[in-house]
Amino acid sequence: MNQLIFLLILGCLLFLFSLFALLNAPPRNNTTPEAMEALSKIISLPGLDFMYAGFLFQESDYRWILRETGQRSVAEQLRRDRRRLALSWLRQLQTDVFALWRFRRLLTTYGVPTTVREEAGVARKAVAVLFLLLGLRVFVALFGPFSFWRMAAGIQSGVQRFSRGCGATLGRVPMCKLAELEEYWRSLETAHVSS
């Protein structure tokens, strides 16, 4: 029993440390707009591109339905639908992180110059974001989406920073090799989806 409590406390501490590190990371904007445009052309990131994710975690319309119309069943159905949509969006964000991580690994195997320190930082960021996504998915599944809008916004900005880091790495690829890289990535993604 003591070991279970210890692991629970350790997990909570790791979660809080990851959240703190993710939300307080200094912004590094060494990504050119051309590199980000090339990245968005090569990789489809539907979870990150979804502009209305913040609405999934807002409870104002739920409260309004509950207060104004008094229809508890409609409000509860809205809450269940929001939970389902929020979980779906969080799964899509997780898929985006895995795609960015695979693309980043492709860039390094493709010969883009990086350092071991940079690669360790990328791995740390990816694991932190994935860990936070998992924690948020558990919280949303258990308690609903309405209490976690700040956490969701923080995780979304963490995924955006991760995406900008991949864009910065892509910026080191010569422009003449981008089309070849894009074609190779598409073939890898097709093979990944079919397996």
N, C-alpha and C. Protein backbone atom coordinates (compact mmCIF):
# COMPACT_ATOMS: atom_id res chain seq x y z
N MET A 1 0.82 -1.19 0.00
CA MET A 1 0.00 0.00 0.00
C MET A 1 0.87 1.26 0.00
N ASN A 2 1.94 1.22 0.81
CA ASN A 2 2.84 2.37 0.86
C ASN A 2 3.51 2.62 -0.48
N GLN A 3 3.82 1.54 -1.20
CA GLN A 3 4.45 1.70 -2.50
C GLN A 3 3.48 2.33 -3.50
N LEU A 4 2.23 1.97 -3.41
CA LEU A 4 1.22 2.54 -4.30
C LEU A 4 1.07 4.04 -4.05
N ILE A 5 1.03 4.41 -2.79
CA ILE A 5 0.92 5.84 -2.44
C ILE A 5 2.18 6.58 -2.90
N PHE A 6 3.34 5.97 -2.71
CA PHE A 6 4.59 6.60 -3.15
C PHE A 6 4.58 6.81 -4.66
N LEU A 7 4.15 5.80 -5.43
CA LEU A 7 4.10 5.93 -6.89
C LEU A 7 3.09 6.99 -7.31
N LEU A 8 1.97 7.08 -6.62
CA LEU A 8 0.98 8.10 -6.93
C LEU A 8 1.54 9.49 -6.69
N ILE A 9 2.20 9.68 -5.56
CA ILE A 9 2.81 10.99 -5.26
C ILE A 9 3.90 11.31 -6.26
N LEU A 10 4.74 10.31 -6.60
CA LEU A 10 5.79 10.51 -7.58
C LEU A 10 5.21 10.89 -8.94
N GLY A 11 4.14 10.23 -9.34
CA GLY A 11 3.49 10.56 -10.61
C GLY A 11 2.94 11.98 -10.62
N CYS A 12 2.32 12.38 -9.52
CA CYS A 12 1.79 13.75 -9.42
C CYS A 12 2.92 14.77 -9.47
N LEU A 13 4.02 14.48 -8.79
CA LEU A 13 5.16 15.40 -8.81
C LEU A 13 5.76 15.51 -10.20
N LEU A 14 5.89 14.38 -10.89
CA LEU A 14 6.40 14.42 -12.26
C LEU A 14 5.47 15.20 -13.17
N PHE A 15 4.18 15.01 -12.99
CA PHE A 15 3.20 15.73 -13.80
C PHE A 15 3.31 17.24 -13.56
N LEU A 16 3.37 17.64 -12.29
CA LEU A 16 3.47 19.06 -11.98
C LEU A 16 4.78 19.65 -12.47
N PHE A 17 5.88 18.90 -12.33
CA PHE A 17 7.17 19.39 -12.83
C PHE A 17 7.12 19.57 -14.34
N SER A 18 6.54 18.61 -15.04
CA SER A 18 6.45 18.71 -16.50
C SER A 18 5.59 19.89 -16.91
N LEU A 19 4.47 20.09 -16.22
CA LEU A 19 3.60 21.22 -16.52
C LEU A 19 4.33 22.53 -16.27
N PHE A 20 5.02 22.64 -15.17
CA PHE A 20 5.78 23.85 -14.84
C PHE A 20 6.85 24.11 -15.90
N ALA A 21 7.60 23.08 -16.27
CA ALA A 21 8.66 23.24 -17.26
C ALA A 21 8.10 23.62 -18.62
N LEU A 22 6.97 23.05 -18.97
CA LEU A 22 6.37 23.34 -20.27
C LEU A 22 5.83 24.76 -20.34
N LEU A 23 5.15 25.17 -19.30
CA LEU A 23 4.52 26.49 -19.32
C LEU A 23 5.51 27.62 -19.09
N ASN A 24 6.63 27.36 -18.46
CA ASN A 24 7.61 28.41 -18.16
C ASN A 24 8.83 28.36 -19.05
N ALA A 25 8.77 27.61 -20.12
CA ALA A 25 9.90 27.53 -21.04
C ALA A 25 10.05 28.86 -21.76
N PRO A 26 11.28 29.36 -21.88
CA PRO A 26 11.47 30.63 -22.57
C PRO A 26 11.18 30.48 -24.06
N PRO A 27 10.46 31.43 -24.62
CA PRO A 27 10.15 31.33 -26.04
C PRO A 27 11.39 31.56 -26.88
N ARG A 28 11.62 30.65 -27.81
CA ARG A 28 12.73 30.81 -28.74
C ARG A 28 12.12 30.90 -30.12
N ASN A 29 12.30 32.03 -30.76
CA ASN A 29 11.69 32.22 -32.06
C ASN A 29 12.78 32.38 -33.11
N ASN A 30 13.50 31.28 -33.36
CA ASN A 30 14.51 31.30 -34.39
C ASN A 30 14.01 30.59 -35.65
N THR A 31 12.71 30.52 -35.80
CA THR A 31 12.09 29.86 -36.95
C THR A 31 11.69 30.91 -37.96
N THR A 32 12.07 30.69 -39.20
CA THR A 32 11.69 31.62 -40.25
C THR A 32 10.27 31.30 -40.73
N PRO A 33 9.55 32.30 -41.21
CA PRO A 33 8.21 32.04 -41.74
C PRO A 33 8.23 31.08 -42.92
N GLU A 34 9.30 31.11 -43.71
CA GLU A 34 9.40 30.21 -44.85
C GLU A 34 9.50 28.75 -44.38
N ALA A 35 10.25 28.53 -43.30
CA ALA A 35 10.38 27.18 -42.77
C ALA A 35 9.05 26.67 -42.22
N MET A 36 8.31 27.54 -41.53
CA MET A 36 7.01 27.13 -41.00
C MET A 36 6.02 26.87 -42.14
N GLU A 37 6.11 27.65 -43.19
CA GLU A 37 5.24 27.42 -44.35
C GLU A 37 5.58 26.09 -45.02
N ALA A 38 6.86 25.80 -45.13
CA ALA A 38 7.28 24.52 -45.70
C ALA A 38 6.84 23.37 -44.80
N LEU A 39 6.94 23.55 -43.49
CA LEU A 39 6.51 22.51 -42.56
C LEU A 39 5.02 22.24 -42.69
N SER A 40 4.23 23.31 -42.76
CA SER A 40 2.78 23.11 -42.88
C SER A 40 2.41 22.51 -44.24
N LYS A 41 3.25 22.71 -45.23
CA LYS A 41 3.00 22.10 -46.54
C LYS A 41 3.33 20.61 -46.51
N ILE A 42 4.35 20.24 -45.75
CA ILE A 42 4.79 18.84 -45.70
C ILE A 42 3.94 18.02 -44.74
N ILE A 43 3.71 18.55 -43.53
CA ILE A 43 3.02 17.79 -42.49
C ILE A 43 1.64 18.38 -42.25
N SER A 44 0.65 17.52 -42.21
CA SER A 44 -0.70 17.94 -41.84
C SER A 44 -0.84 17.77 -40.32
N LEU A 45 -1.18 18.85 -39.63
CA LEU A 45 -1.35 18.83 -38.18
C LEU A 45 -2.77 19.30 -37.83
N PRO A 46 -3.76 18.44 -38.01
CA PRO A 46 -5.14 18.88 -37.81
C PRO A 46 -5.46 19.25 -36.36
N GLY A 47 -4.84 18.61 -35.39
CA GLY A 47 -5.10 18.95 -33.99
C GLY A 47 -4.59 20.33 -33.66
N LEU A 48 -3.42 20.66 -34.17
CA LEU A 48 -2.83 21.97 -33.91
C LEU A 48 -3.52 23.06 -34.73
N ASP A 49 -4.02 22.69 -35.91
CA ASP A 49 -4.68 23.66 -36.78
C ASP A 49 -6.12 23.96 -36.36
N PHE A 50 -6.68 23.16 -35.47
CA PHE A 50 -8.06 23.37 -35.03
C PHE A 50 -8.12 24.65 -34.21
N MET A 51 -8.78 25.68 -34.74
CA MET A 51 -8.76 27.00 -34.14
C MET A 51 -9.74 27.16 -32.98
N TYR A 52 -10.71 26.31 -32.87
CA TYR A 52 -11.77 26.51 -31.88
C TYR A 52 -11.65 25.57 -30.68
N ALA A 53 -10.44 25.11 -30.40
CA ALA A 53 -10.24 24.18 -29.28
C ALA A 53 -10.62 24.82 -27.95
N GLY A 54 -10.40 26.11 -27.81
CA GLY A 54 -10.74 26.78 -26.56
C GLY A 54 -12.22 26.70 -26.23
N PHE A 55 -13.07 26.65 -27.24
CA PHE A 55 -14.51 26.56 -27.01
C PHE A 55 -14.91 25.21 -26.39
N LEU A 56 -14.11 24.18 -26.65
CA LEU A 56 -14.43 22.87 -26.10
C LEU A 56 -14.34 22.85 -24.58
N PHE A 57 -13.55 23.76 -24.02
CA PHE A 57 -13.30 23.76 -22.58
C PHE A 57 -14.04 24.89 -21.86
N GLN A 58 -14.84 25.67 -22.57
CA GLN A 58 -15.60 26.75 -21.93
C GLN A 58 -16.96 26.23 -21.48
N GLU A 59 -17.37 26.67 -20.30
CA GLU A 59 -18.62 26.17 -19.75
C GLU A 59 -19.73 27.21 -19.75
N SER A 60 -19.52 28.34 -20.42
CA SER A 60 -20.52 29.41 -20.36
C SER A 60 -21.86 28.98 -20.96
N ASP A 61 -21.85 28.30 -22.10
CA ASP A 61 -23.11 27.87 -22.69
C ASP A 61 -23.77 26.76 -21.86
N TYR A 62 -22.97 25.92 -21.25
CA TYR A 62 -23.51 24.89 -20.34
C TYR A 62 -24.22 25.56 -19.17
N ARG A 63 -23.58 26.53 -18.57
CA ARG A 63 -24.19 27.26 -17.44
C ARG A 63 -25.43 28.02 -17.88
N TRP A 64 -25.38 28.60 -19.09
CA TRP A 64 -26.52 29.36 -19.59
C TRP A 64 -27.73 28.44 -19.78
N ILE A 65 -27.52 27.29 -20.40
CA ILE A 65 -28.62 26.34 -20.61
C ILE A 65 -29.19 25.89 -19.28
N LEU A 66 -28.32 25.63 -18.35
CA LEU A 66 -28.75 25.17 -17.03
C LEU A 66 -29.54 26.26 -16.30
N ARG A 67 -29.06 27.50 -16.40
CA ARG A 67 -29.68 28.61 -15.67
C ARG A 67 -30.94 29.14 -16.36
N GLU A 68 -30.83 29.39 -17.65
CA GLU A 68 -31.92 30.06 -18.37
C GLU A 68 -33.10 29.13 -18.68
N THR A 69 -32.79 27.99 -19.21
CA THR A 69 -33.89 27.13 -19.62
C THR A 69 -34.25 26.09 -18.57
N GLY A 70 -33.31 25.84 -17.67
CA GLY A 70 -33.59 24.85 -16.63
C GLY A 70 -33.64 23.43 -17.14
N GLN A 71 -33.12 23.19 -18.32
CA GLN A 71 -33.16 21.86 -18.91
C GLN A 71 -31.87 21.12 -18.57
N ARG A 72 -31.92 20.45 -17.48
CA ARG A 72 -30.74 19.73 -16.98
C ARG A 72 -30.29 18.64 -17.95
N SER A 73 -31.23 17.94 -18.57
CA SER A 73 -30.86 16.85 -19.48
C SER A 73 -30.11 17.37 -20.71
N VAL A 74 -30.56 18.52 -21.23
CA VAL A 74 -29.88 19.12 -22.39
C VAL A 74 -28.48 19.58 -21.99
N ALA A 75 -28.36 20.18 -20.82
CA ALA A 75 -27.07 20.65 -20.35
C ALA A 75 -26.12 19.48 -20.12
N GLU A 76 -26.61 18.41 -19.57
CA GLU A 76 -25.76 17.23 -19.35
C GLU A 76 -25.35 16.58 -20.66
N GLN A 77 -26.25 16.59 -21.65
CA GLN A 77 -25.89 16.07 -22.97
C GLN A 77 -24.79 16.93 -23.60
N LEU A 78 -24.90 18.25 -23.45
CA LEU A 78 -23.86 19.14 -23.94
C LEU A 78 -22.52 18.84 -23.25
N ARG A 79 -22.58 18.62 -21.96
CA ARG A 79 -21.35 18.31 -21.20
C ARG A 79 -20.72 17.00 -21.70
N ARG A 80 -21.53 15.99 -21.94
CA ARG A 80 -21.01 14.72 -22.46
C ARG A 80 -20.42 14.90 -23.87
N ASP A 81 -21.12 15.68 -24.71
CA ASP A 81 -20.62 15.92 -26.06
C ASP A 81 -19.30 16.69 -26.04
N ARG A 82 -19.22 17.69 -25.18
CA ARG A 82 -17.96 18.45 -25.05
C ARG A 82 -16.82 17.56 -24.57
N ARG A 83 -17.13 16.68 -23.63
CA ARG A 83 -16.10 15.75 -23.13
C ARG A 83 -15.60 14.88 -24.28
N ARG A 84 -16.53 14.35 -25.05
CA ARG A 84 -16.15 13.48 -26.18
C ARG A 84 -15.33 14.25 -27.21
N LEU A 85 -15.76 15.47 -27.54
CA LEU A 85 -15.03 16.27 -28.52
C LEU A 85 -13.65 16.70 -27.99
N ALA A 86 -13.58 17.06 -26.72
CA ALA A 86 -12.29 17.44 -26.13
C ALA A 86 -11.33 16.27 -26.13
N LEU A 87 -11.81 15.09 -25.79
CA LEU A 87 -10.95 13.91 -25.82
C LEU A 87 -10.49 13.59 -27.23
N SER A 88 -11.38 13.77 -28.19
CA SER A 88 -11.01 13.54 -29.59
C SER A 88 -9.93 14.53 -30.03
N TRP A 89 -10.09 15.80 -29.66
CA TRP A 89 -9.09 16.82 -30.01
C TRP A 89 -7.75 16.52 -29.33
N LEU A 90 -7.77 16.10 -28.08
CA LEU A 90 -6.53 15.78 -27.38
C LEU A 90 -5.83 14.57 -28.02
N ARG A 91 -6.60 13.59 -28.47
CA ARG A 91 -6.00 12.46 -29.19
C ARG A 91 -5.37 12.93 -30.49
N GLN A 92 -6.03 13.88 -31.15
CA GLN A 92 -5.48 14.41 -32.40
C GLN A 92 -4.20 15.18 -32.13
N LEU A 93 -4.16 15.95 -31.05
CA LEU A 93 -2.92 16.65 -30.68
C LEU A 93 -1.81 15.65 -30.41
N GLN A 94 -2.12 14.56 -29.76
CA GLN A 94 -1.12 13.53 -29.48
C GLN A 94 -0.60 12.95 -30.80
N THR A 95 -1.49 12.72 -31.74
CA THR A 95 -1.08 12.23 -33.06
C THR A 95 -0.17 13.25 -33.74
N ASP A 96 -0.48 14.53 -33.59
CA ASP A 96 0.37 15.59 -34.16
C ASP A 96 1.77 15.57 -33.56
N VAL A 97 1.86 15.39 -32.25
CA VAL A 97 3.16 15.35 -31.58
C VAL A 97 3.97 14.16 -32.09
N PHE A 98 3.34 13.00 -32.20
CA PHE A 98 4.05 11.83 -32.72
C PHE A 98 4.51 12.08 -34.16
N ALA A 99 3.66 12.71 -34.98
CA ALA A 99 4.04 12.99 -36.36
C ALA A 99 5.21 13.97 -36.41
N LEU A 100 5.18 15.00 -35.58
CA LEU A 100 6.29 15.95 -35.53
C LEU A 100 7.57 15.27 -35.06
N TRP A 101 7.46 14.40 -34.09
CA TRP A 101 8.63 13.70 -33.58
C TRP A 101 9.22 12.78 -34.65
N ARG A 102 8.36 12.06 -35.37
CA ARG A 102 8.84 11.21 -36.47
C ARG A 102 9.49 12.05 -37.56
N PHE A 103 8.88 13.20 -37.86
CA PHE A 103 9.45 14.07 -38.88
C PHE A 103 10.80 14.62 -38.43
N ARG A 104 10.89 14.97 -37.17
CA ARG A 104 12.16 15.47 -36.63
C ARG A 104 13.24 14.38 -36.74
N ARG A 105 12.89 13.15 -36.41
CA ARG A 105 13.85 12.05 -36.53
C ARG A 105 14.23 11.83 -38.00
N LEU A 106 13.27 11.99 -38.90
CA LEU A 106 13.58 11.88 -40.32
C LEU A 106 14.58 12.95 -40.73
N LEU A 107 14.39 14.18 -40.24
CA LEU A 107 15.32 15.25 -40.59
C LEU A 107 16.73 14.94 -40.12
N THR A 108 16.87 14.40 -38.92
CA THR A 108 18.21 14.09 -38.43
C THR A 108 18.82 12.93 -39.20
N THR A 109 18.02 11.93 -39.57
CA THR A 109 18.57 10.84 -40.37
C THR A 109 18.82 11.29 -41.81
N TYR A 110 18.14 12.32 -42.23
CA TYR A 110 18.32 12.87 -43.56
C TYR A 110 19.62 13.67 -43.66
N GLY A 111 20.22 13.96 -42.52
CA GLY A 111 21.52 14.64 -42.52
C GLY A 111 21.49 16.09 -42.08
N VAL A 112 20.38 16.53 -41.53
CA VAL A 112 20.32 17.91 -41.04
C VAL A 112 21.21 18.00 -39.80
N PRO A 113 22.11 18.96 -39.75
CA PRO A 113 23.04 19.04 -38.62
C PRO A 113 22.34 19.44 -37.32
N THR A 114 22.52 18.61 -36.30
CA THR A 114 22.01 18.89 -34.96
C THR A 114 23.05 18.43 -33.94
N THR A 115 22.86 18.87 -32.72
CA THR A 115 23.76 18.46 -31.66
C THR A 115 23.05 17.44 -30.76
N VAL A 116 23.82 16.74 -29.98
CA VAL A 116 23.24 15.78 -29.05
C VAL A 116 22.38 16.51 -28.02
N ARG A 117 22.85 17.66 -27.59
CA ARG A 117 22.09 18.45 -26.62
C ARG A 117 20.74 18.87 -27.19
N GLU A 118 20.74 19.28 -28.45
CA GLU A 118 19.49 19.68 -29.10
C GLU A 118 18.54 18.49 -29.21
N GLU A 119 19.06 17.34 -29.58
CA GLU A 119 18.22 16.14 -29.69
C GLU A 119 17.66 15.72 -28.34
N ALA A 120 18.48 15.82 -27.30
CA ALA A 120 18.00 15.48 -25.96
C ALA A 120 16.90 16.46 -25.53
N GLY A 121 17.06 17.72 -25.87
CA GLY A 121 16.02 18.71 -25.55
C GLY A 121 14.73 18.44 -26.29
N VAL A 122 14.83 18.03 -27.54
CA VAL A 122 13.64 17.71 -28.33
C VAL A 122 12.94 16.50 -27.73
N ALA A 123 13.71 15.49 -27.37
CA ALA A 123 13.11 14.29 -26.76
C ALA A 123 12.44 14.64 -25.44
N ARG A 124 13.09 15.49 -24.64
CA ARG A 124 12.52 15.90 -23.36
C ARG A 124 11.21 16.66 -23.57
N LYS A 125 11.19 17.57 -24.53
CA LYS A 125 9.97 18.33 -24.80
C LYS A 125 8.84 17.43 -25.29
N ALA A 126 9.18 16.51 -26.18
CA ALA A 126 8.15 15.61 -26.71
C ALA A 126 7.57 14.74 -25.61
N VAL A 127 8.42 14.19 -24.77
CA VAL A 127 7.94 13.34 -23.68
C VAL A 127 7.11 14.15 -22.70
N ALA A 128 7.54 15.38 -22.40
CA ALA A 128 6.78 16.23 -21.47
C ALA A 128 5.40 16.54 -22.04
N VAL A 129 5.34 16.90 -23.31
CA VAL A 129 4.05 17.22 -23.93
C VAL A 129 3.16 15.98 -23.96
N LEU A 130 3.71 14.84 -24.32
CA LEU A 130 2.91 13.61 -24.36
C LEU A 130 2.44 13.22 -22.97
N PHE A 131 3.28 13.40 -21.97
CA PHE A 131 2.89 13.09 -20.60
C PHE A 131 1.76 14.02 -20.13
N LEU A 132 1.87 15.30 -20.46
CA LEU A 132 0.82 16.24 -20.09
C LEU A 132 -0.48 15.97 -20.84
N LEU A 133 -0.37 15.59 -22.11
CA LEU A 133 -1.57 15.23 -22.86
C LEU A 133 -2.27 14.03 -22.25
N LEU A 134 -1.49 13.05 -21.85
CA LEU A 134 -2.07 11.87 -21.21
C LEU A 134 -2.78 12.25 -19.91
N GLY A 135 -2.11 13.07 -19.10
CA GLY A 135 -2.72 13.52 -17.85
C GLY A 135 -4.00 14.30 -18.08
N LEU A 136 -3.98 15.21 -19.05
CA LEU A 136 -5.18 16.00 -19.34
C LEU A 136 -6.30 15.11 -19.86
N ARG A 137 -5.97 14.13 -20.68
CA ARG A 137 -7.00 13.22 -21.18
C ARG A 137 -7.65 12.45 -20.03
N VAL A 138 -6.85 12.03 -19.07
CA VAL A 138 -7.41 11.33 -17.91
C VAL A 138 -8.31 12.26 -17.12
N PHE A 139 -7.84 13.49 -16.87
CA PHE A 139 -8.65 14.45 -16.10
C PHE A 139 -9.95 14.78 -16.81
N VAL A 140 -9.89 14.99 -18.13
CA VAL A 140 -11.11 15.32 -18.89
C VAL A 140 -12.06 14.13 -18.88
N ALA A 141 -11.54 12.92 -19.01
CA ALA A 141 -12.40 11.74 -18.99
C ALA A 141 -13.08 11.57 -17.64
N LEU A 142 -12.36 11.88 -16.57
CA LEU A 142 -12.92 11.70 -15.23
C LEU A 142 -13.82 12.85 -14.79
N PHE A 143 -13.41 14.09 -15.07
CA PHE A 143 -14.09 15.25 -14.50
C PHE A 143 -14.76 16.16 -15.52
N GLY A 144 -14.59 15.89 -16.79
CA GLY A 144 -15.17 16.75 -17.82
C GLY A 144 -14.19 17.84 -18.22
N PRO A 145 -14.47 18.51 -19.34
CA PRO A 145 -13.50 19.46 -19.89
C PRO A 145 -13.53 20.86 -19.28
N PHE A 146 -14.58 21.21 -18.55
CA PHE A 146 -14.78 22.60 -18.22
C PHE A 146 -13.78 23.18 -17.23
N SER A 147 -13.13 22.39 -16.44
CA SER A 147 -12.21 22.91 -15.43
C SER A 147 -10.77 23.00 -15.91
N PHE A 148 -10.49 22.57 -17.13
CA PHE A 148 -9.11 22.42 -17.55
C PHE A 148 -8.75 23.26 -18.77
N TRP A 149 -9.40 24.39 -18.96
CA TRP A 149 -9.14 25.18 -20.16
C TRP A 149 -7.74 25.79 -20.15
N ARG A 150 -7.24 26.20 -18.99
CA ARG A 150 -5.88 26.77 -18.94
C ARG A 150 -4.84 25.70 -19.24
N MET A 151 -5.04 24.54 -18.70
CA MET A 151 -4.11 23.45 -18.94
C MET A 151 -4.12 23.07 -20.43
N ALA A 152 -5.29 23.04 -21.02
CA ALA A 152 -5.39 22.71 -22.45
C ALA A 152 -4.69 23.77 -23.30
N ALA A 153 -4.87 25.04 -22.94
CA ALA A 153 -4.21 26.12 -23.68
C ALA A 153 -2.69 26.02 -23.53
N GLY A 154 -2.22 25.69 -22.33
CA GLY A 154 -0.79 25.54 -22.11
C GLY A 154 -0.21 24.39 -22.91
N ILE A 155 -0.92 23.29 -22.97
CA ILE A 155 -0.44 22.14 -23.73
C ILE A 155 -0.46 22.45 -25.22
N GLN A 156 -1.49 23.15 -25.67
CA GLN A 156 -1.55 23.51 -27.09
C GLN A 156 -0.38 24.43 -27.45
N SER A 157 -0.04 25.37 -26.57
CA SER A 157 1.11 26.24 -26.87
C SER A 157 2.41 25.44 -26.81
N GLY A 158 2.49 24.41 -25.96
CA GLY A 158 3.66 23.54 -25.94
C GLY A 158 3.82 22.78 -27.25
N VAL A 159 2.71 22.31 -27.79
CA VAL A 159 2.76 21.61 -29.08
C VAL A 159 3.15 22.59 -30.19
N GLN A 160 2.68 23.83 -30.10
CA GLN A 160 3.07 24.84 -31.08
C GLN A 160 4.56 25.13 -31.02
N ARG A 161 5.11 25.22 -29.79
CA ARG A 161 6.55 25.44 -29.65
C ARG A 161 7.33 24.25 -30.22
N PHE A 162 6.84 23.05 -29.98
CA PHE A 162 7.48 21.86 -30.53
C PHE A 162 7.45 21.91 -32.06
N SER A 163 6.34 22.36 -32.61
CA SER A 163 6.21 22.49 -34.06
C SER A 163 7.19 23.54 -34.60
N ARG A 164 7.34 24.66 -33.89
CA ARG A 164 8.29 25.68 -34.32
C ARG A 164 9.72 25.15 -34.27
N GLY A 165 10.01 24.30 -33.28
CA GLY A 165 11.34 23.69 -33.22
C GLY A 165 11.60 22.80 -34.43
N CYS A 166 10.58 22.05 -34.84
CA CYS A 166 10.72 21.24 -36.06
C CYS A 166 10.87 22.14 -37.29
N GLY A 167 10.17 23.26 -37.28
CA GLY A 167 10.31 24.22 -38.38
C GLY A 167 11.70 24.81 -38.45
N ALA A 168 12.29 25.09 -37.28
CA ALA A 168 13.65 25.62 -37.25
C ALA A 168 14.64 24.60 -37.80
N THR A 169 14.43 23.34 -37.48
CA THR A 169 15.30 22.29 -38.02
C THR A 169 15.10 22.14 -39.52
N LEU A 170 13.84 22.23 -39.95
CA LEU A 170 13.56 22.15 -41.38
C LEU A 170 14.19 23.32 -42.13
N GLY A 171 14.33 24.46 -41.45
CA GLY A 171 14.95 25.62 -42.08
C GLY A 171 16.41 25.39 -42.44
N ARG A 172 17.05 24.37 -41.86
CA ARG A 172 18.45 24.06 -42.18
C ARG A 172 18.59 23.17 -43.41
N VAL A 173 17.46 22.68 -43.93
CA VAL A 173 17.50 21.86 -45.14
C VAL A 173 17.61 22.79 -46.34
N PRO A 174 18.50 22.49 -47.28
CA PRO A 174 18.59 23.32 -48.49
C PRO A 174 17.26 23.31 -49.25
N MET A 175 16.89 24.45 -49.77
CA MET A 175 15.60 24.59 -50.46
C MET A 175 15.49 23.62 -51.64
N CYS A 176 16.60 23.28 -52.27
CA CYS A 176 16.54 22.38 -53.42
C CYS A 176 16.17 20.95 -53.00
N LYS A 177 16.31 20.61 -51.73
CA LYS A 177 16.01 19.25 -51.27
C LYS A 177 14.65 19.14 -50.59
N LEU A 178 13.90 20.22 -50.48
CA LEU A 178 12.61 20.18 -49.80
C LEU A 178 11.61 19.29 -50.52
N ALA A 179 11.56 19.37 -51.84
CA ALA A 179 10.60 18.54 -52.59
C ALA A 179 10.92 17.06 -52.42
N GLU A 180 12.19 16.72 -52.46
CA GLU A 180 12.60 15.33 -52.26
C GLU A 180 12.25 14.85 -50.86
N LEU A 181 12.47 15.72 -49.87
CA LEU A 181 12.15 15.39 -48.48
C LEU A 181 10.64 15.21 -48.31
N GLU A 182 9.88 16.11 -48.92
CA GLU A 182 8.42 16.00 -48.83
C GLU A 182 7.91 14.69 -49.43
N GLU A 183 8.44 14.31 -50.57
CA GLU A 183 8.03 13.07 -51.22
C GLU A 183 8.39 11.86 -50.35
N TYR A 184 9.59 11.88 -49.77
CA TYR A 184 10.01 10.78 -48.90
C TYR A 184 9.13 10.71 -47.66
N TRP A 185 8.78 11.86 -47.08
CA TRP A 185 7.91 11.89 -45.90
C TRP A 185 6.53 11.32 -46.24
N ARG A 186 5.99 11.70 -47.38
CA ARG A 186 4.66 11.19 -47.78
C ARG A 186 4.69 9.67 -47.92
N SER A 187 5.77 9.14 -48.49
CA SER A 187 5.85 7.68 -48.64
C SER A 187 5.97 7.01 -47.27
N LEU A 188 6.70 7.62 -46.33
CA LEU A 188 6.80 7.07 -44.99
C LEU A 188 5.45 7.13 -44.26
N GLU A 189 4.74 8.22 -44.40
CA GLU A 189 3.44 8.36 -43.75
C GLU A 189 2.43 7.38 -44.33
N THR A 190 2.48 7.16 -45.63
CA THR A 190 1.59 6.18 -46.24
C THR A 190 1.88 4.79 -45.70
N ALA A 191 3.15 4.46 -45.58
CA ALA A 191 3.54 3.16 -45.02
C ALA A 191 3.16 3.07 -43.55
N HIS A 192 3.27 4.18 -42.81
CA HIS A 192 2.92 4.18 -41.38
C HIS A 192 1.41 4.01 -41.17
N VAL A 193 0.62 4.63 -42.00
CA VAL A 193 -0.84 4.55 -41.89
C VAL A 193 -1.32 3.14 -42.25
N SER A 194 -0.71 2.54 -43.27
CA SER A 194 -1.16 1.22 -43.71
C SER A 194 -0.73 0.10 -42.74
N SER A 195 0.28 0.37 -41.91
CA SER A 195 0.72 -0.69 -40.98
C SER A 195 -0.02 -0.68 -39.68
